[in-house]
Amino acid sequence: MRLSALQKVLWGLAAIAIVGFVWLQVSTRVEQRAYEPAFRADFELTDHNGMVQTDEYLAGRWMLVFFGFANCPDVCPTTLAEVAAVMDGLGSDATQVQPLFFSIDPERDTPQALAEFIPYFDANIIGLTGTADQIERTSKTFRIYYEKIEEAASPDGYTMGHSSQLFLFDPQGGYVGAWTYGTPAEEILADLKARMSI
């Protein structure tokens, strides 16, 4: 059976439409993936006031997240001091940001221990801790490293090795980015304000 010229044109247009539809579906999926966060904040831990906190409870605010431990001699206090400076620099916009300190040392960092440690830096920082299993699950969610290191000179004979970046999550709990240890508060503040204004 021979096709007429009109039939050939119609079949050609149908083929173009199918190819166009497939291309649109593929490009939309790729575009969606490009805007999906690398990972999301997901946790259920006890804060330094003894209250259970979850990522859902904090939804609607930007989150500055740092992992560490109260007996840390340098990295943790330095980073928390930078976070406190950032919060001061935000002024009235500070209500849109929640800084969180996740302990990776459940043996020593009880809610009571964190309640003594956290206020040295900023009243708005929430210290979070939990059982060893909860901390392990949370660390996997946030893709951070930590380990217990035997060290005779440290309190209780050990210290903790851990990731030292400061994470930023958007109000929907999606990962936005991170600053390496030692990034000045002024740089973090400028970057955070720029992201909040988008």
N, C-alpha and C. Protein backbone atom coordinates (compact mmCIF):
# COMPACT_ATOMS: atom_id res chain seq x y z
N MET A 1 0.86 -1.19 0.00
CA MET A 1 0.00 0.00 0.00
C MET A 1 0.89 1.23 0.00
N ARG A 2 0.61 2.14 -0.94
CA ARG A 2 1.41 3.35 -1.04
C ARG A 2 0.73 4.46 -0.27
N LEU A 3 1.57 5.28 0.45
CA LEU A 3 1.03 6.39 1.22
C LEU A 3 0.94 7.63 0.34
N SER A 4 -0.14 8.37 0.51
CA SER A 4 -0.27 9.62 -0.23
C SER A 4 0.64 10.66 0.39
N ALA A 5 0.87 11.75 -0.32
CA ALA A 5 1.74 12.83 0.18
C ALA A 5 1.21 13.38 1.49
N LEU A 6 -0.11 13.52 1.60
CA LEU A 6 -0.72 14.05 2.83
C LEU A 6 -0.47 13.10 4.00
N GLN A 7 -0.59 11.80 3.76
CA GLN A 7 -0.36 10.82 4.81
C GLN A 7 1.09 10.86 5.28
N LYS A 8 2.02 11.03 4.31
CA LYS A 8 3.43 11.10 4.68
C LYS A 8 3.70 12.32 5.56
N VAL A 9 3.10 13.43 5.21
CA VAL A 9 3.27 14.65 6.01
C VAL A 9 2.69 14.45 7.41
N LEU A 10 1.51 13.86 7.50
CA LEU A 10 0.88 13.63 8.80
C LEU A 10 1.72 12.68 9.66
N TRP A 11 2.23 11.59 9.05
CA TRP A 11 3.08 10.67 9.81
C TRP A 11 4.37 11.37 10.25
N GLY A 12 4.91 12.22 9.42
CA GLY A 12 6.12 12.97 9.79
C GLY A 12 5.86 13.91 10.95
N LEU A 13 4.72 14.61 10.91
CA LEU A 13 4.36 15.52 12.01
C LEU A 13 4.13 14.74 13.30
N ALA A 14 3.52 13.57 13.20
CA ALA A 14 3.28 12.74 14.39
C ALA A 14 4.62 12.29 14.99
N ALA A 15 5.56 11.90 14.14
CA ALA A 15 6.89 11.48 14.63
C ALA A 15 7.59 12.64 15.32
N ILE A 16 7.52 13.84 14.74
CA ILE A 16 8.14 15.02 15.35
C ILE A 16 7.49 15.32 16.71
N ALA A 17 6.16 15.19 16.77
CA ALA A 17 5.44 15.45 18.03
C ALA A 17 5.87 14.45 19.11
N ILE A 18 6.04 13.19 18.75
CA ILE A 18 6.45 12.16 19.72
C ILE A 18 7.85 12.44 20.22
N VAL A 19 8.77 12.76 19.30
CA VAL A 19 10.15 13.07 19.69
C VAL A 19 10.17 14.30 20.60
N GLY A 20 9.38 15.30 20.25
CA GLY A 20 9.31 16.52 21.07
C GLY A 20 8.77 16.25 22.46
N PHE A 21 7.75 15.40 22.54
CA PHE A 21 7.16 15.05 23.83
C PHE A 21 8.18 14.32 24.71
N VAL A 22 8.87 13.33 24.14
CA VAL A 22 9.88 12.58 24.89
C VAL A 22 10.99 13.52 25.37
N TRP A 23 11.46 14.40 24.49
CA TRP A 23 12.52 15.35 24.87
C TRP A 23 12.06 16.25 26.02
N LEU A 24 10.81 16.71 25.96
CA LEU A 24 10.27 17.57 27.02
C LEU A 24 10.21 16.83 28.35
N GLN A 25 9.79 15.57 28.33
CA GLN A 25 9.73 14.79 29.57
C GLN A 25 11.11 14.59 30.18
N VAL A 26 12.08 14.26 29.35
CA VAL A 26 13.45 14.03 29.84
C VAL A 26 14.05 15.32 30.37
N SER A 27 13.91 16.42 29.63
CA SER A 27 14.52 17.69 30.07
C SER A 27 13.86 18.21 31.35
N THR A 28 12.56 17.97 31.53
CA THR A 28 11.87 18.40 32.75
C THR A 28 12.39 17.62 33.94
N ARG A 29 12.60 16.31 33.77
CA ARG A 29 13.13 15.49 34.86
C ARG A 29 14.54 15.94 35.25
N VAL A 30 15.36 16.22 34.24
CA VAL A 30 16.73 16.68 34.51
C VAL A 30 16.70 18.01 35.23
N GLU A 31 15.81 18.92 34.79
CA GLU A 31 15.70 20.23 35.43
C GLU A 31 15.23 20.09 36.87
N GLN A 32 14.25 19.22 37.12
CA GLN A 32 13.78 19.01 38.48
C GLN A 32 14.90 18.49 39.36
N ARG A 33 15.70 17.53 38.83
CA ARG A 33 16.80 16.99 39.60
C ARG A 33 17.84 18.06 39.92
N ALA A 34 18.04 18.98 39.00
CA ALA A 34 19.03 20.03 39.21
C ALA A 34 18.64 20.94 40.37
N TYR A 35 17.35 21.08 40.64
CA TYR A 35 16.90 21.96 41.70
C TYR A 35 16.54 21.23 42.99
N GLU A 36 16.59 19.91 42.97
CA GLU A 36 16.34 19.16 44.20
C GLU A 36 17.55 19.28 45.11
N PRO A 37 17.33 19.47 46.41
CA PRO A 37 18.47 19.56 47.32
C PRO A 37 19.23 18.24 47.38
N ALA A 38 20.54 18.33 47.68
CA ALA A 38 21.38 17.14 47.76
C ALA A 38 20.87 16.20 48.86
N PHE A 39 20.41 16.78 49.95
CA PHE A 39 19.78 16.01 51.02
C PHE A 39 18.96 16.95 51.88
N ARG A 40 18.18 16.39 52.76
CA ARG A 40 17.27 17.19 53.58
C ARG A 40 17.61 17.00 55.06
N ALA A 41 17.32 18.04 55.83
CA ALA A 41 17.46 17.93 57.28
C ALA A 41 16.40 16.95 57.78
N ASP A 42 16.82 15.99 58.58
CA ASP A 42 15.90 14.98 59.09
C ASP A 42 16.43 14.50 60.44
N PHE A 43 15.73 14.85 61.51
CA PHE A 43 16.21 14.46 62.84
C PHE A 43 15.09 14.50 63.86
N GLU A 44 15.30 13.77 64.95
CA GLU A 44 14.44 13.81 66.13
C GLU A 44 15.36 13.60 67.32
N LEU A 45 15.69 14.69 68.02
CA LEU A 45 16.64 14.67 69.12
C LEU A 45 16.13 15.51 70.28
N THR A 46 16.80 15.41 71.41
CA THR A 46 16.42 16.16 72.60
C THR A 46 17.27 17.41 72.70
N ASP A 47 16.62 18.56 72.94
CA ASP A 47 17.38 19.81 73.02
C ASP A 47 17.93 20.03 74.43
N HIS A 48 18.68 21.11 74.60
CA HIS A 48 19.34 21.35 75.89
C HIS A 48 18.38 21.77 76.99
N ASN A 49 17.09 21.92 76.65
CA ASN A 49 16.05 22.17 77.66
C ASN A 49 15.24 20.91 77.96
N GLY A 50 15.65 19.78 77.36
CA GLY A 50 14.96 18.51 77.61
C GLY A 50 13.74 18.29 76.73
N MET A 51 13.54 19.13 75.73
CA MET A 51 12.39 19.00 74.83
C MET A 51 12.81 18.29 73.55
N VAL A 52 11.93 17.44 73.01
CA VAL A 52 12.21 16.76 71.74
C VAL A 52 12.02 17.77 70.61
N GLN A 53 13.00 17.81 69.72
CA GLN A 53 12.96 18.71 68.56
C GLN A 53 13.06 17.88 67.29
N THR A 54 12.31 18.27 66.28
CA THR A 54 12.37 17.59 64.98
C THR A 54 12.55 18.63 63.88
N ASP A 55 12.95 18.16 62.71
CA ASP A 55 13.06 19.06 61.56
C ASP A 55 11.71 19.66 61.20
N GLU A 56 10.62 18.90 61.40
CA GLU A 56 9.28 19.43 61.08
C GLU A 56 8.93 20.61 61.98
N TYR A 57 9.31 20.52 63.25
CA TYR A 57 9.01 21.60 64.20
C TYR A 57 9.70 22.90 63.79
N LEU A 58 10.88 22.78 63.19
CA LEU A 58 11.65 23.97 62.82
C LEU A 58 11.40 24.41 61.38
N ALA A 59 10.49 23.75 60.69
CA ALA A 59 10.18 24.12 59.30
C ALA A 59 9.73 25.57 59.23
N GLY A 60 10.11 26.22 58.13
CA GLY A 60 9.74 27.62 57.94
C GLY A 60 10.87 28.58 58.28
N ARG A 61 11.94 28.06 58.86
CA ARG A 61 13.10 28.90 59.18
C ARG A 61 14.35 28.34 58.49
N TRP A 62 15.26 29.21 58.16
CA TRP A 62 16.57 28.79 57.70
C TRP A 62 17.27 28.13 58.89
N MET A 63 18.09 27.12 58.62
CA MET A 63 18.81 26.45 59.70
C MET A 63 20.31 26.49 59.46
N LEU A 64 21.05 27.01 60.45
CA LEU A 64 22.51 26.93 60.46
C LEU A 64 22.85 25.74 61.34
N VAL A 65 23.51 24.72 60.78
CA VAL A 65 23.72 23.46 61.48
C VAL A 65 25.21 23.16 61.63
N PHE A 66 25.60 22.86 62.87
CA PHE A 66 26.99 22.49 63.14
C PHE A 66 27.02 21.26 64.03
N PHE A 67 27.92 20.33 63.72
CA PHE A 67 28.10 19.12 64.53
C PHE A 67 29.38 19.25 65.34
N GLY A 68 29.32 18.91 66.64
CA GLY A 68 30.50 19.01 67.48
C GLY A 68 30.25 18.40 68.85
N PHE A 69 31.03 18.84 69.83
CA PHE A 69 30.86 18.33 71.19
C PHE A 69 31.33 19.37 72.19
N ALA A 70 30.74 19.35 73.36
CA ALA A 70 30.96 20.39 74.37
C ALA A 70 32.39 20.43 74.88
N ASN A 71 33.10 19.29 74.90
CA ASN A 71 34.48 19.27 75.38
C ASN A 71 35.50 19.60 74.30
N CYS A 72 35.04 20.01 73.15
CA CYS A 72 35.92 20.35 72.03
C CYS A 72 36.80 21.55 72.43
N PRO A 73 38.12 21.44 72.25
CA PRO A 73 39.00 22.51 72.71
C PRO A 73 39.08 23.74 71.81
N ASP A 74 38.76 23.61 70.51
CA ASP A 74 38.97 24.77 69.64
C ASP A 74 37.95 24.92 68.51
N VAL A 75 37.78 23.91 67.66
CA VAL A 75 36.93 24.04 66.47
C VAL A 75 35.49 24.40 66.83
N CYS A 76 34.91 23.69 67.78
CA CYS A 76 33.50 23.91 68.13
C CYS A 76 33.26 25.28 68.77
N PRO A 77 34.04 25.68 69.78
CA PRO A 77 33.81 27.01 70.34
C PRO A 77 34.03 28.14 69.33
N THR A 78 35.03 27.96 68.47
CA THR A 78 35.29 28.98 67.45
C THR A 78 34.11 29.11 66.50
N THR A 79 33.61 27.97 66.02
CA THR A 79 32.49 27.99 65.07
C THR A 79 31.23 28.55 65.72
N LEU A 80 30.95 28.15 66.95
CA LEU A 80 29.76 28.66 67.64
C LEU A 80 29.86 30.16 67.90
N ALA A 81 31.07 30.65 68.16
CA ALA A 81 31.26 32.10 68.31
C ALA A 81 30.98 32.81 66.99
N GLU A 82 31.40 32.20 65.88
CA GLU A 82 31.11 32.77 64.55
C GLU A 82 29.60 32.78 64.29
N VAL A 83 28.94 31.68 64.65
CA VAL A 83 27.47 31.60 64.48
C VAL A 83 26.79 32.69 65.30
N ALA A 84 27.24 32.90 66.53
CA ALA A 84 26.66 33.95 67.39
C ALA A 84 26.86 35.33 66.75
N ALA A 85 28.03 35.56 66.14
CA ALA A 85 28.30 36.85 65.47
C ALA A 85 27.38 37.01 64.25
N VAL A 86 27.15 35.92 63.52
CA VAL A 86 26.24 35.96 62.37
C VAL A 86 24.83 36.31 62.84
N MET A 87 24.38 35.68 63.91
CA MET A 87 23.04 35.95 64.42
C MET A 87 22.90 37.40 64.86
N ASP A 88 23.92 37.94 65.51
CA ASP A 88 23.90 39.36 65.89
C ASP A 88 23.83 40.25 64.66
N GLY A 89 24.59 39.89 63.63
CA GLY A 89 24.63 40.68 62.41
C GLY A 89 23.34 40.67 61.62
N LEU A 90 22.51 39.65 61.83
CA LEU A 90 21.24 39.57 61.11
C LEU A 90 20.21 40.57 61.62
N GLY A 91 20.40 41.07 62.84
CA GLY A 91 19.46 42.02 63.40
C GLY A 91 18.06 41.44 63.49
N SER A 92 17.08 42.18 62.96
CA SER A 92 15.68 41.71 63.04
C SER A 92 15.43 40.47 62.19
N ASP A 93 16.29 40.20 61.20
CA ASP A 93 16.13 39.00 60.37
C ASP A 93 16.53 37.72 61.09
N ALA A 94 17.11 37.86 62.27
CA ALA A 94 17.55 36.68 63.03
C ALA A 94 16.38 35.75 63.37
N THR A 95 15.16 36.28 63.41
CA THR A 95 14.00 35.43 63.72
C THR A 95 13.72 34.43 62.61
N GLN A 96 14.29 34.66 61.42
CA GLN A 96 14.09 33.75 60.28
C GLN A 96 15.11 32.61 60.25
N VAL A 97 16.08 32.65 61.18
CA VAL A 97 17.18 31.67 61.17
C VAL A 97 17.26 30.96 62.52
N GLN A 98 17.42 29.64 62.47
CA GLN A 98 17.59 28.86 63.69
C GLN A 98 18.94 28.16 63.67
N PRO A 99 19.88 28.58 64.54
CA PRO A 99 21.15 27.88 64.63
C PRO A 99 21.01 26.63 65.50
N LEU A 100 21.61 25.52 65.04
CA LEU A 100 21.52 24.24 65.74
C LEU A 100 22.91 23.65 65.95
N PHE A 101 23.16 23.19 67.17
CA PHE A 101 24.41 22.51 67.49
C PHE A 101 24.08 21.06 67.80
N PHE A 102 24.49 20.14 66.91
CA PHE A 102 24.23 18.71 67.08
C PHE A 102 25.44 18.08 67.76
N SER A 103 25.24 17.50 68.92
CA SER A 103 26.34 16.82 69.59
C SER A 103 26.61 15.46 68.95
N ILE A 104 27.90 15.14 68.83
CA ILE A 104 28.30 13.82 68.34
C ILE A 104 28.94 13.02 69.50
N ASP A 105 28.69 13.49 70.73
CA ASP A 105 29.26 12.86 71.93
C ASP A 105 28.16 12.57 72.95
N PRO A 106 27.29 11.58 72.64
CA PRO A 106 26.14 11.33 73.53
C PRO A 106 26.53 10.87 74.93
N GLU A 107 27.73 10.31 75.09
CA GLU A 107 28.15 9.86 76.42
C GLU A 107 28.25 11.02 77.40
N ARG A 108 28.84 12.12 76.97
CA ARG A 108 29.06 13.26 77.87
C ARG A 108 28.06 14.39 77.67
N ASP A 109 27.59 14.56 76.43
CA ASP A 109 26.72 15.70 76.15
C ASP A 109 25.26 15.38 76.41
N THR A 110 24.92 15.35 77.68
CA THR A 110 23.52 15.20 78.10
C THR A 110 22.83 16.55 77.87
N PRO A 111 21.50 16.59 77.91
CA PRO A 111 20.83 17.89 77.83
C PRO A 111 21.34 18.87 78.89
N GLN A 112 21.62 18.37 80.10
CA GLN A 112 22.11 19.25 81.17
C GLN A 112 23.49 19.81 80.83
N ALA A 113 24.37 18.97 80.28
CA ALA A 113 25.71 19.44 79.90
C ALA A 113 25.61 20.49 78.80
N LEU A 114 24.74 20.27 77.83
CA LEU A 114 24.57 21.25 76.76
C LEU A 114 23.93 22.54 77.28
N ALA A 115 23.06 22.41 78.29
CA ALA A 115 22.42 23.61 78.87
C ALA A 115 23.45 24.50 79.55
N GLU A 116 24.56 23.93 79.99
CA GLU A 116 25.64 24.74 80.57
C GLU A 116 26.56 25.30 79.48
N PHE A 117 26.71 24.57 78.40
CA PHE A 117 27.65 24.92 77.33
C PHE A 117 27.09 25.95 76.34
N ILE A 118 25.89 25.73 75.85
CA ILE A 118 25.31 26.54 74.77
C ILE A 118 25.18 28.03 75.12
N PRO A 119 24.72 28.41 76.32
CA PRO A 119 24.53 29.83 76.63
C PRO A 119 25.80 30.68 76.57
N TYR A 120 26.97 30.06 76.56
CA TYR A 120 28.20 30.84 76.42
C TYR A 120 28.27 31.55 75.08
N PHE A 121 27.51 31.10 74.12
CA PHE A 121 27.62 31.62 72.76
C PHE A 121 26.45 32.49 72.34
N ASP A 122 25.25 31.96 72.37
CA ASP A 122 24.08 32.73 71.94
C ASP A 122 22.83 32.06 72.48
N ALA A 123 21.93 32.85 73.01
CA ALA A 123 20.71 32.30 73.62
C ALA A 123 19.82 31.61 72.60
N ASN A 124 19.97 31.93 71.30
CA ASN A 124 19.10 31.35 70.29
C ASN A 124 19.61 30.04 69.70
N ILE A 125 20.85 29.67 70.01
CA ILE A 125 21.36 28.39 69.52
C ILE A 125 20.67 27.27 70.29
N ILE A 126 20.23 26.25 69.57
CA ILE A 126 19.63 25.08 70.21
C ILE A 126 20.67 23.95 70.18
N GLY A 127 20.99 23.41 71.35
CA GLY A 127 21.87 22.26 71.44
C GLY A 127 21.04 20.98 71.39
N LEU A 128 21.45 20.02 70.59
CA LEU A 128 20.70 18.78 70.41
C LEU A 128 21.56 17.57 70.70
N THR A 129 20.98 16.60 71.39
CA THR A 129 21.68 15.36 71.69
C THR A 129 20.67 14.22 71.68
N GLY A 130 21.17 13.01 71.92
CA GLY A 130 20.29 11.85 71.93
C GLY A 130 21.07 10.62 72.30
N THR A 131 20.49 9.47 72.03
CA THR A 131 21.18 8.21 72.28
C THR A 131 22.25 8.02 71.21
N ALA A 132 23.14 7.07 71.43
CA ALA A 132 24.18 6.77 70.44
C ALA A 132 23.55 6.39 69.10
N ASP A 133 22.45 5.62 69.13
CA ASP A 133 21.77 5.23 67.89
C ASP A 133 21.16 6.43 67.18
N GLN A 134 20.55 7.33 67.94
CA GLN A 134 19.96 8.52 67.33
C GLN A 134 21.03 9.40 66.68
N ILE A 135 22.17 9.55 67.36
CA ILE A 135 23.25 10.36 66.82
C ILE A 135 23.81 9.72 65.55
N GLU A 136 23.94 8.41 65.55
CA GLU A 136 24.44 7.71 64.36
C GLU A 136 23.49 7.89 63.18
N ARG A 137 22.17 7.73 63.42
CA ARG A 137 21.19 7.91 62.34
C ARG A 137 21.24 9.34 61.81
N THR A 138 21.33 10.30 62.73
CA THR A 138 21.36 11.71 62.32
C THR A 138 22.61 12.01 61.50
N SER A 139 23.74 11.47 61.92
CA SER A 139 24.99 11.73 61.18
C SER A 139 24.91 11.17 59.76
N LYS A 140 24.24 10.03 59.60
CA LYS A 140 24.09 9.47 58.25
C LYS A 140 23.18 10.34 57.40
N THR A 141 22.12 10.86 58.00
CA THR A 141 21.21 11.75 57.28
C THR A 141 21.95 12.99 56.78
N PHE A 142 22.79 13.56 57.64
CA PHE A 142 23.51 14.78 57.28
C PHE A 142 24.84 14.51 56.60
N ARG A 143 25.19 13.24 56.46
CA ARG A 143 26.42 12.82 55.77
C ARG A 143 27.67 13.41 56.40
N ILE A 144 27.74 13.35 57.72
CA ILE A 144 28.93 13.85 58.40
C ILE A 144 29.71 12.69 59.01
N TYR A 145 30.99 12.96 59.24
CA TYR A 145 31.89 11.98 59.85
C TYR A 145 32.11 12.33 61.31
N TYR A 146 32.18 11.30 62.17
CA TYR A 146 32.64 11.51 63.54
C TYR A 146 33.17 10.19 64.08
N GLU A 147 34.08 10.28 65.03
CA GLU A 147 34.60 9.08 65.66
C GLU A 147 35.17 9.42 67.03
N LYS A 148 35.12 8.43 67.90
CA LYS A 148 35.68 8.56 69.24
C LYS A 148 37.17 8.22 69.16
N ILE A 149 38.02 9.07 69.73
CA ILE A 149 39.46 8.89 69.67
C ILE A 149 40.02 8.85 71.10
N GLU A 150 40.65 7.74 71.43
CA GLU A 150 41.24 7.62 72.77
C GLU A 150 42.38 8.65 72.91
N GLU A 151 42.33 9.41 74.01
CA GLU A 151 43.34 10.43 74.26
C GLU A 151 43.42 10.66 75.77
N ALA A 152 44.47 10.17 76.37
CA ALA A 152 44.58 10.17 77.83
C ALA A 152 44.46 11.55 78.45
N ALA A 153 44.94 12.58 77.76
CA ALA A 153 44.94 13.93 78.32
C ALA A 153 43.56 14.61 78.27
N SER A 154 42.64 14.05 77.52
CA SER A 154 41.31 14.65 77.37
C SER A 154 40.38 14.21 78.51
N PRO A 155 39.33 14.99 78.77
CA PRO A 155 38.36 14.58 79.80
C PRO A 155 37.82 13.19 79.50
N ASP A 156 37.75 12.35 80.52
CA ASP A 156 37.26 10.98 80.40
C ASP A 156 38.12 10.11 79.48
N GLY A 157 39.31 10.59 79.11
CA GLY A 157 40.25 9.79 78.33
C GLY A 157 39.97 9.69 76.85
N TYR A 158 39.11 10.55 76.32
CA TYR A 158 38.88 10.51 74.87
C TYR A 158 38.46 11.89 74.35
N THR A 159 38.62 12.04 73.03
CA THR A 159 38.14 13.22 72.34
C THR A 159 37.34 12.73 71.13
N MET A 160 36.82 13.64 70.33
CA MET A 160 36.01 13.27 69.17
C MET A 160 36.58 13.92 67.92
N GLY A 161 36.77 13.11 66.89
CA GLY A 161 37.08 13.64 65.58
C GLY A 161 35.77 13.81 64.82
N HIS A 162 35.63 14.89 64.05
CA HIS A 162 34.35 15.11 63.36
C HIS A 162 34.46 16.11 62.21
N SER A 163 33.46 16.08 61.32
CA SER A 163 33.34 17.06 60.25
C SER A 163 33.19 18.43 60.87
N SER A 164 33.75 19.45 60.23
CA SER A 164 33.75 20.77 60.88
C SER A 164 33.09 21.87 60.06
N GLN A 165 32.36 21.52 59.02
CA GLN A 165 31.71 22.55 58.23
C GLN A 165 30.40 23.02 58.88
N LEU A 166 30.00 24.23 58.53
CA LEU A 166 28.74 24.81 58.98
C LEU A 166 27.76 24.69 57.83
N PHE A 167 26.66 23.95 58.03
CA PHE A 167 25.68 23.72 56.99
C PHE A 167 24.59 24.79 57.00
N LEU A 168 24.01 25.03 55.82
CA LEU A 168 22.83 25.88 55.70
C LEU A 168 21.72 25.10 55.03
N PHE A 169 20.53 25.13 55.66
CA PHE A 169 19.33 24.50 55.09
C PHE A 169 18.26 25.58 54.92
N ASP A 170 17.49 25.45 53.85
CA ASP A 170 16.45 26.44 53.57
C ASP A 170 15.21 26.19 54.44
N PRO A 171 14.21 27.08 54.37
CA PRO A 171 13.01 26.91 55.23
C PRO A 171 12.21 25.63 54.98
N GLN A 172 12.47 24.96 53.85
CA GLN A 172 11.80 23.68 53.58
C GLN A 172 12.66 22.50 54.05
N GLY A 173 13.81 22.77 54.64
CA GLY A 173 14.69 21.71 55.14
C GLY A 173 15.65 21.16 54.11
N GLY A 174 15.73 21.81 52.94
CA GLY A 174 16.64 21.34 51.89
C GLY A 174 18.04 21.92 52.06
N TYR A 175 19.03 21.09 51.80
CA TYR A 175 20.43 21.53 51.90
C TYR A 175 20.71 22.62 50.87
N VAL A 176 21.32 23.71 51.32
CA VAL A 176 21.66 24.83 50.43
C VAL A 176 23.15 24.88 50.18
N GLY A 177 23.95 24.71 51.22
CA GLY A 177 25.40 24.78 51.08
C GLY A 177 26.08 24.69 52.43
N ALA A 178 27.41 24.88 52.42
CA ALA A 178 28.17 24.79 53.66
C ALA A 178 29.39 25.71 53.58
N TRP A 179 29.84 26.14 54.75
CA TRP A 179 31.06 26.93 54.86
C TRP A 179 32.10 26.09 55.59
N THR A 180 33.34 26.13 55.13
CA THR A 180 34.40 25.38 55.78
C THR A 180 34.79 26.04 57.09
N TYR A 181 35.40 25.26 57.96
CA TYR A 181 35.87 25.79 59.24
C TYR A 181 36.84 26.94 58.99
N GLY A 182 36.65 28.00 59.75
CA GLY A 182 37.52 29.17 59.63
C GLY A 182 36.97 30.26 58.74
N THR A 183 35.82 30.02 58.08
CA THR A 183 35.21 31.07 57.28
C THR A 183 34.78 32.20 58.21
N PRO A 184 35.21 33.44 57.94
CA PRO A 184 34.87 34.55 58.84
C PRO A 184 33.36 34.79 58.93
N ALA A 185 32.91 35.24 60.08
CA ALA A 185 31.48 35.50 60.29
C ALA A 185 30.94 36.50 59.28
N GLU A 186 31.75 37.50 58.91
CA GLU A 186 31.31 38.52 57.94
C GLU A 186 30.98 37.88 56.59
N GLU A 187 31.79 36.92 56.18
CA GLU A 187 31.55 36.25 54.90
C GLU A 187 30.30 35.38 54.96
N ILE A 188 30.14 34.66 56.06
CA ILE A 188 28.93 33.83 56.24
C ILE A 188 27.69 34.71 56.25
N LEU A 189 27.76 35.81 56.98
CA LEU A 189 26.63 36.72 57.09
C LEU A 189 26.23 37.29 55.73
N ALA A 190 27.21 37.74 54.94
CA ALA A 190 26.91 38.31 53.63
C ALA A 190 26.29 37.26 52.71
N ASP A 191 26.83 36.06 52.74
CA ASP A 191 26.31 34.97 51.91
C ASP A 191 24.89 34.60 52.34
N LEU A 192 24.67 34.49 53.65
CA LEU A 192 23.35 34.13 54.17
C LEU A 192 22.31 35.20 53.82
N LYS A 193 22.66 36.46 54.00
CA LYS A 193 21.71 37.54 53.66
C LYS A 193 21.35 37.51 52.18
N ALA A 194 22.34 37.26 51.34
CA ALA A 194 22.09 37.20 49.89
C ALA A 194 21.13 36.06 49.56
N ARG A 195 21.32 34.92 50.18
CA ARG A 195 20.44 33.77 49.93
C ARG A 195 19.03 34.02 50.46
N MET A 196 18.93 34.66 51.60
CA MET A 196 17.62 34.94 52.20
C MET A 196 16.82 35.95 51.39
N SER A 197 17.49 36.78 50.63
CA SER A 197 16.80 37.84 49.89
C SER A 197 16.34 37.39 48.51
N ILE A 198 16.73 36.17 48.11
CA ILE A 198 16.35 35.68 46.77
C ILE A 198 14.86 35.39 46.73
